[in-house]
Amino acid sequence: MRIAYIAAGLILLAVLLAGCAGTPRPADPIIVKQPVPVSCIKQKPVRPQFPDTDQAILKAPNIAERARLYSAGRLMRIGYIDVLEAAIAACE
């Protein structure tokens, strides 16, 4: 009788272990993060003609005119960079 209990216990243990091994665990999804190119700038801002070119600076008659050309070119570049940064920020 004691052997029957031991045999029944072993069979029950084998069935429980087989039941656990038979149900597969769902696999974890593989997530791949890859940048996707997005065209978000609808219209590229037009680059202005800057007044402080090398030729214009060399042709300036005096230092005051050169300073005026440099100042105007700097202000135009600041405005152009602001427009470009706004276009880039719209993409984010």
N, C-alpha and C. Protein backbone atom coordinates (compact mmCIF):
# COMPACT_ATOMS: atom_id res chain seq x y z
N MET A 1 0.83 -1.18 0.00
CA MET A 1 0.00 0.00 0.00
C MET A 1 0.88 1.26 0.00
N ARG A 2 1.93 1.20 0.76
CA ARG A 2 2.82 2.34 0.84
C ARG A 2 3.47 2.60 -0.52
N ILE A 3 3.77 1.59 -1.26
CA ILE A 3 4.36 1.71 -2.58
C ILE A 3 3.35 2.35 -3.53
N ALA A 4 2.09 2.08 -3.35
CA ALA A 4 1.05 2.66 -4.21
C ALA A 4 0.98 4.18 -3.99
N TYR A 5 1.11 4.62 -2.74
CA TYR A 5 1.09 6.05 -2.47
C TYR A 5 2.31 6.74 -3.07
N ILE A 6 3.44 6.11 -2.96
CA ILE A 6 4.66 6.68 -3.52
C ILE A 6 4.55 6.75 -5.04
N ALA A 7 4.04 5.70 -5.66
CA ALA A 7 3.88 5.67 -7.11
C ALA A 7 2.88 6.74 -7.55
N ALA A 8 1.77 6.87 -6.81
CA ALA A 8 0.76 7.88 -7.15
C ALA A 8 1.35 9.29 -7.01
N GLY A 9 2.16 9.48 -5.98
CA GLY A 9 2.79 10.78 -5.77
C GLY A 9 3.77 11.11 -6.90
N LEU A 10 4.54 10.11 -7.35
CA LEU A 10 5.47 10.32 -8.44
C LEU A 10 4.74 10.62 -9.75
N ILE A 11 3.66 9.91 -9.97
CA ILE A 11 2.87 10.16 -11.19
C ILE A 11 2.27 11.57 -11.15
N LEU A 12 1.75 11.97 -9.99
CA LEU A 12 1.18 13.31 -9.84
C LEU A 12 2.26 14.38 -10.05
N LEU A 13 3.46 14.16 -9.51
CA LEU A 13 4.55 15.09 -9.69
C LEU A 13 4.96 15.16 -11.15
N ALA A 14 5.01 14.06 -11.85
CA ALA A 14 5.37 14.04 -13.27
C ALA A 14 4.33 14.78 -14.10
N VAL A 15 3.04 14.59 -13.76
CA VAL A 15 1.97 15.28 -14.50
C VAL A 15 2.06 16.80 -14.27
N LEU A 16 2.33 17.23 -13.04
CA LEU A 16 2.43 18.66 -12.76
C LEU A 16 3.62 19.27 -13.48
N LEU A 17 4.75 18.57 -13.47
CA LEU A 17 5.92 19.11 -14.17
C LEU A 17 5.70 19.14 -15.68
N ALA A 18 5.04 18.14 -16.20
CA ALA A 18 4.76 18.13 -17.64
C ALA A 18 3.78 19.23 -18.01
N GLY A 19 2.83 19.53 -17.13
CA GLY A 19 1.87 20.59 -17.39
C GLY A 19 2.54 21.96 -17.43
N CYS A 20 3.50 22.18 -16.57
CA CYS A 20 4.21 23.46 -16.57
C CYS A 20 5.10 23.59 -17.80
N ALA A 21 5.68 22.50 -18.23
CA ALA A 21 6.58 22.56 -19.38
C ALA A 21 5.81 22.67 -20.68
N GLY A 22 4.55 22.30 -20.70
CA GLY A 22 3.78 22.28 -21.93
C GLY A 22 3.22 23.63 -22.35
N THR A 23 3.10 24.58 -21.44
CA THR A 23 2.54 25.89 -21.80
C THR A 23 3.68 26.86 -22.09
N PRO A 24 3.87 27.23 -23.35
CA PRO A 24 4.97 28.14 -23.67
C PRO A 24 4.65 29.57 -23.21
N ARG A 25 5.66 30.23 -22.74
CA ARG A 25 5.53 31.62 -22.32
C ARG A 25 5.60 32.50 -23.56
N PRO A 26 4.71 33.48 -23.69
CA PRO A 26 4.78 34.34 -24.88
C PRO A 26 6.12 35.09 -24.92
N ALA A 27 6.67 35.17 -26.09
CA ALA A 27 7.96 35.83 -26.26
C ALA A 27 7.81 37.34 -26.12
N ASP A 28 8.83 37.95 -25.58
CA ASP A 28 8.83 39.40 -25.46
C ASP A 28 8.99 40.01 -26.85
N PRO A 29 8.23 41.07 -27.14
CA PRO A 29 8.36 41.69 -28.47
C PRO A 29 9.73 42.36 -28.61
N ILE A 30 10.27 42.30 -29.81
CA ILE A 30 11.53 42.96 -30.10
C ILE A 30 11.22 44.34 -30.65
N ILE A 31 11.69 45.35 -29.95
CA ILE A 31 11.42 46.73 -30.35
C ILE A 31 12.71 47.31 -30.91
N VAL A 32 12.64 47.76 -32.14
CA VAL A 32 13.79 48.36 -32.80
C VAL A 32 13.48 49.83 -33.01
N LYS A 33 14.29 50.68 -32.41
CA LYS A 33 14.09 52.12 -32.58
C LYS A 33 15.02 52.60 -33.69
N GLN A 34 14.42 53.10 -34.74
CA GLN A 34 15.19 53.57 -35.88
C GLN A 34 14.63 54.91 -36.31
N PRO A 35 15.49 55.91 -36.49
CA PRO A 35 14.98 57.21 -36.92
C PRO A 35 14.39 57.13 -38.32
N VAL A 36 13.30 57.83 -38.48
CA VAL A 36 12.61 57.86 -39.77
C VAL A 36 12.73 59.27 -40.33
N PRO A 37 13.25 59.42 -41.54
CA PRO A 37 13.37 60.77 -42.10
C PRO A 37 12.00 61.37 -42.37
N VAL A 38 11.82 62.58 -41.90
CA VAL A 38 10.55 63.27 -42.07
C VAL A 38 10.83 64.62 -42.72
N SER A 39 10.13 64.90 -43.78
CA SER A 39 10.27 66.19 -44.44
C SER A 39 9.23 67.12 -43.87
N CYS A 40 9.66 67.99 -42.96
CA CYS A 40 8.68 68.85 -42.30
C CYS A 40 8.84 70.31 -42.68
N ILE A 41 9.94 70.69 -43.28
CA ILE A 41 10.09 72.08 -43.70
C ILE A 41 9.38 72.24 -45.04
N LYS A 42 8.27 72.92 -44.99
CA LYS A 42 7.45 73.07 -46.20
C LYS A 42 8.15 73.95 -47.23
N GLN A 43 8.67 75.07 -46.76
CA GLN A 43 9.32 76.00 -47.68
C GLN A 43 10.59 76.51 -47.03
N LYS A 44 11.71 76.30 -47.71
CA LYS A 44 12.99 76.76 -47.19
C LYS A 44 13.04 78.28 -47.30
N PRO A 45 13.45 78.96 -46.21
CA PRO A 45 13.55 80.42 -46.29
C PRO A 45 14.59 80.85 -47.32
N VAL A 46 14.31 81.92 -47.99
CA VAL A 46 15.22 82.43 -49.03
C VAL A 46 16.41 83.11 -48.35
N ARG A 47 17.59 82.72 -48.77
CA ARG A 47 18.80 83.34 -48.21
C ARG A 47 18.96 84.74 -48.81
N PRO A 48 19.07 85.75 -47.95
CA PRO A 48 19.18 87.13 -48.48
C PRO A 48 20.59 87.39 -49.04
N GLN A 49 20.68 88.44 -49.82
CA GLN A 49 21.98 88.91 -50.31
C GLN A 49 22.57 89.80 -49.21
N PHE A 50 23.59 89.32 -48.57
CA PHE A 50 24.18 90.07 -47.47
C PHE A 50 25.04 91.22 -48.02
N PRO A 51 24.94 92.40 -47.40
CA PRO A 51 25.66 93.57 -47.92
C PRO A 51 27.16 93.57 -47.59
N ASP A 52 27.60 92.73 -46.68
CA ASP A 52 29.01 92.77 -46.27
C ASP A 52 29.85 91.72 -46.99
N THR A 53 29.75 91.70 -48.31
CA THR A 53 30.58 90.79 -49.10
C THR A 53 32.00 91.34 -49.15
N ASP A 54 32.94 90.50 -49.56
CA ASP A 54 34.33 90.94 -49.64
C ASP A 54 34.50 92.09 -50.63
N GLN A 55 33.80 92.00 -51.77
CA GLN A 55 33.93 93.07 -52.76
C GLN A 55 33.37 94.39 -52.23
N ALA A 56 32.23 94.31 -51.54
CA ALA A 56 31.62 95.55 -51.02
C ALA A 56 32.50 96.19 -49.95
N ILE A 57 33.10 95.36 -49.11
CA ILE A 57 33.97 95.90 -48.05
C ILE A 57 35.21 96.55 -48.67
N LEU A 58 35.79 95.91 -49.70
CA LEU A 58 36.97 96.48 -50.34
C LEU A 58 36.67 97.77 -51.10
N LYS A 59 35.46 97.88 -51.63
CA LYS A 59 35.08 99.08 -52.39
C LYS A 59 34.58 100.21 -51.50
N ALA A 60 34.38 99.95 -50.21
CA ALA A 60 33.88 101.00 -49.31
C ALA A 60 34.89 102.14 -49.23
N PRO A 61 34.41 103.39 -49.34
CA PRO A 61 35.34 104.53 -49.39
C PRO A 61 36.01 104.84 -48.06
N ASN A 62 35.36 104.52 -46.94
CA ASN A 62 35.96 104.86 -45.65
C ASN A 62 35.57 103.82 -44.59
N ILE A 63 36.12 103.98 -43.41
CA ILE A 63 35.89 103.03 -42.32
C ILE A 63 34.44 103.06 -41.84
N ALA A 64 33.80 104.21 -41.88
CA ALA A 64 32.41 104.32 -41.44
C ALA A 64 31.49 103.50 -42.35
N GLU A 65 31.75 103.56 -43.64
CA GLU A 65 30.93 102.78 -44.59
C GLU A 65 31.16 101.28 -44.37
N ARG A 66 32.39 100.90 -44.08
CA ARG A 66 32.68 99.48 -43.81
C ARG A 66 31.94 99.02 -42.56
N ALA A 67 31.96 99.85 -41.53
CA ALA A 67 31.27 99.51 -40.28
C ALA A 67 29.76 99.39 -40.52
N ARG A 68 29.21 100.27 -41.36
CA ARG A 68 27.79 100.20 -41.67
C ARG A 68 27.46 98.89 -42.41
N LEU A 69 28.33 98.50 -43.36
CA LEU A 69 28.11 97.25 -44.09
C LEU A 69 28.19 96.03 -43.17
N TYR A 70 29.20 96.02 -42.29
CA TYR A 70 29.32 94.92 -41.34
C TYR A 70 28.10 94.83 -40.42
N SER A 71 27.64 95.97 -39.93
CA SER A 71 26.49 96.01 -39.03
C SER A 71 25.21 95.53 -39.73
N ALA A 72 25.00 96.00 -40.96
CA ALA A 72 23.81 95.58 -41.70
C ALA A 72 23.86 94.09 -42.00
N GLY A 73 25.03 93.58 -42.36
CA GLY A 73 25.17 92.15 -42.63
C GLY A 73 24.91 91.31 -41.40
N ARG A 74 25.41 91.79 -40.27
CA ARG A 74 25.19 91.05 -39.01
C ARG A 74 23.71 90.98 -38.65
N LEU A 75 23.02 92.10 -38.77
CA LEU A 75 21.59 92.12 -38.45
C LEU A 75 20.79 91.22 -39.40
N MET A 76 21.17 91.20 -40.67
CA MET A 76 20.48 90.33 -41.62
C MET A 76 20.73 88.86 -41.31
N ARG A 77 21.96 88.53 -40.89
CA ARG A 77 22.27 87.14 -40.54
C ARG A 77 21.49 86.70 -39.31
N ILE A 78 21.38 87.57 -38.33
CA ILE A 78 20.62 87.24 -37.12
C ILE A 78 19.17 86.95 -37.48
N GLY A 79 18.57 87.78 -38.34
CA GLY A 79 17.19 87.55 -38.76
C GLY A 79 17.04 86.26 -39.54
N TYR A 80 18.00 85.98 -40.43
CA TYR A 80 17.94 84.76 -41.24
C TYR A 80 18.09 83.51 -40.35
N ILE A 81 18.99 83.57 -39.38
CA ILE A 81 19.16 82.44 -38.45
C ILE A 81 17.91 82.23 -37.62
N ASP A 82 17.24 83.31 -37.20
CA ASP A 82 15.99 83.17 -36.45
C ASP A 82 14.92 82.46 -37.27
N VAL A 83 14.82 82.80 -38.55
CA VAL A 83 13.84 82.15 -39.43
C VAL A 83 14.18 80.66 -39.61
N LEU A 84 15.46 80.34 -39.79
CA LEU A 84 15.88 78.94 -39.93
C LEU A 84 15.61 78.15 -38.66
N GLU A 85 15.92 78.73 -37.49
CA GLU A 85 15.68 78.02 -36.23
C GLU A 85 14.19 77.81 -35.99
N ALA A 86 13.35 78.76 -36.38
CA ALA A 86 11.91 78.59 -36.25
C ALA A 86 11.41 77.46 -37.14
N ALA A 87 11.96 77.35 -38.35
CA ALA A 87 11.57 76.26 -39.25
C ALA A 87 12.00 74.91 -38.69
N ILE A 88 13.18 74.85 -38.10
CA ILE A 88 13.67 73.60 -37.51
C ILE A 88 12.86 73.24 -36.27
N ALA A 89 12.53 74.23 -35.47
CA ALA A 89 11.74 73.98 -34.24
C ALA A 89 10.35 73.48 -34.58
N ALA A 90 9.81 73.86 -35.72
CA ALA A 90 8.49 73.39 -36.13
C ALA A 90 8.50 71.89 -36.41
N CYS A 91 9.67 71.33 -36.70
CA CYS A 91 9.78 69.90 -36.98
C CYS A 91 9.80 69.06 -35.71
N GLU A 92 10.16 69.63 -34.61
CA GLU A 92 10.32 68.86 -33.36
C GLU A 92 9.00 68.60 -32.69
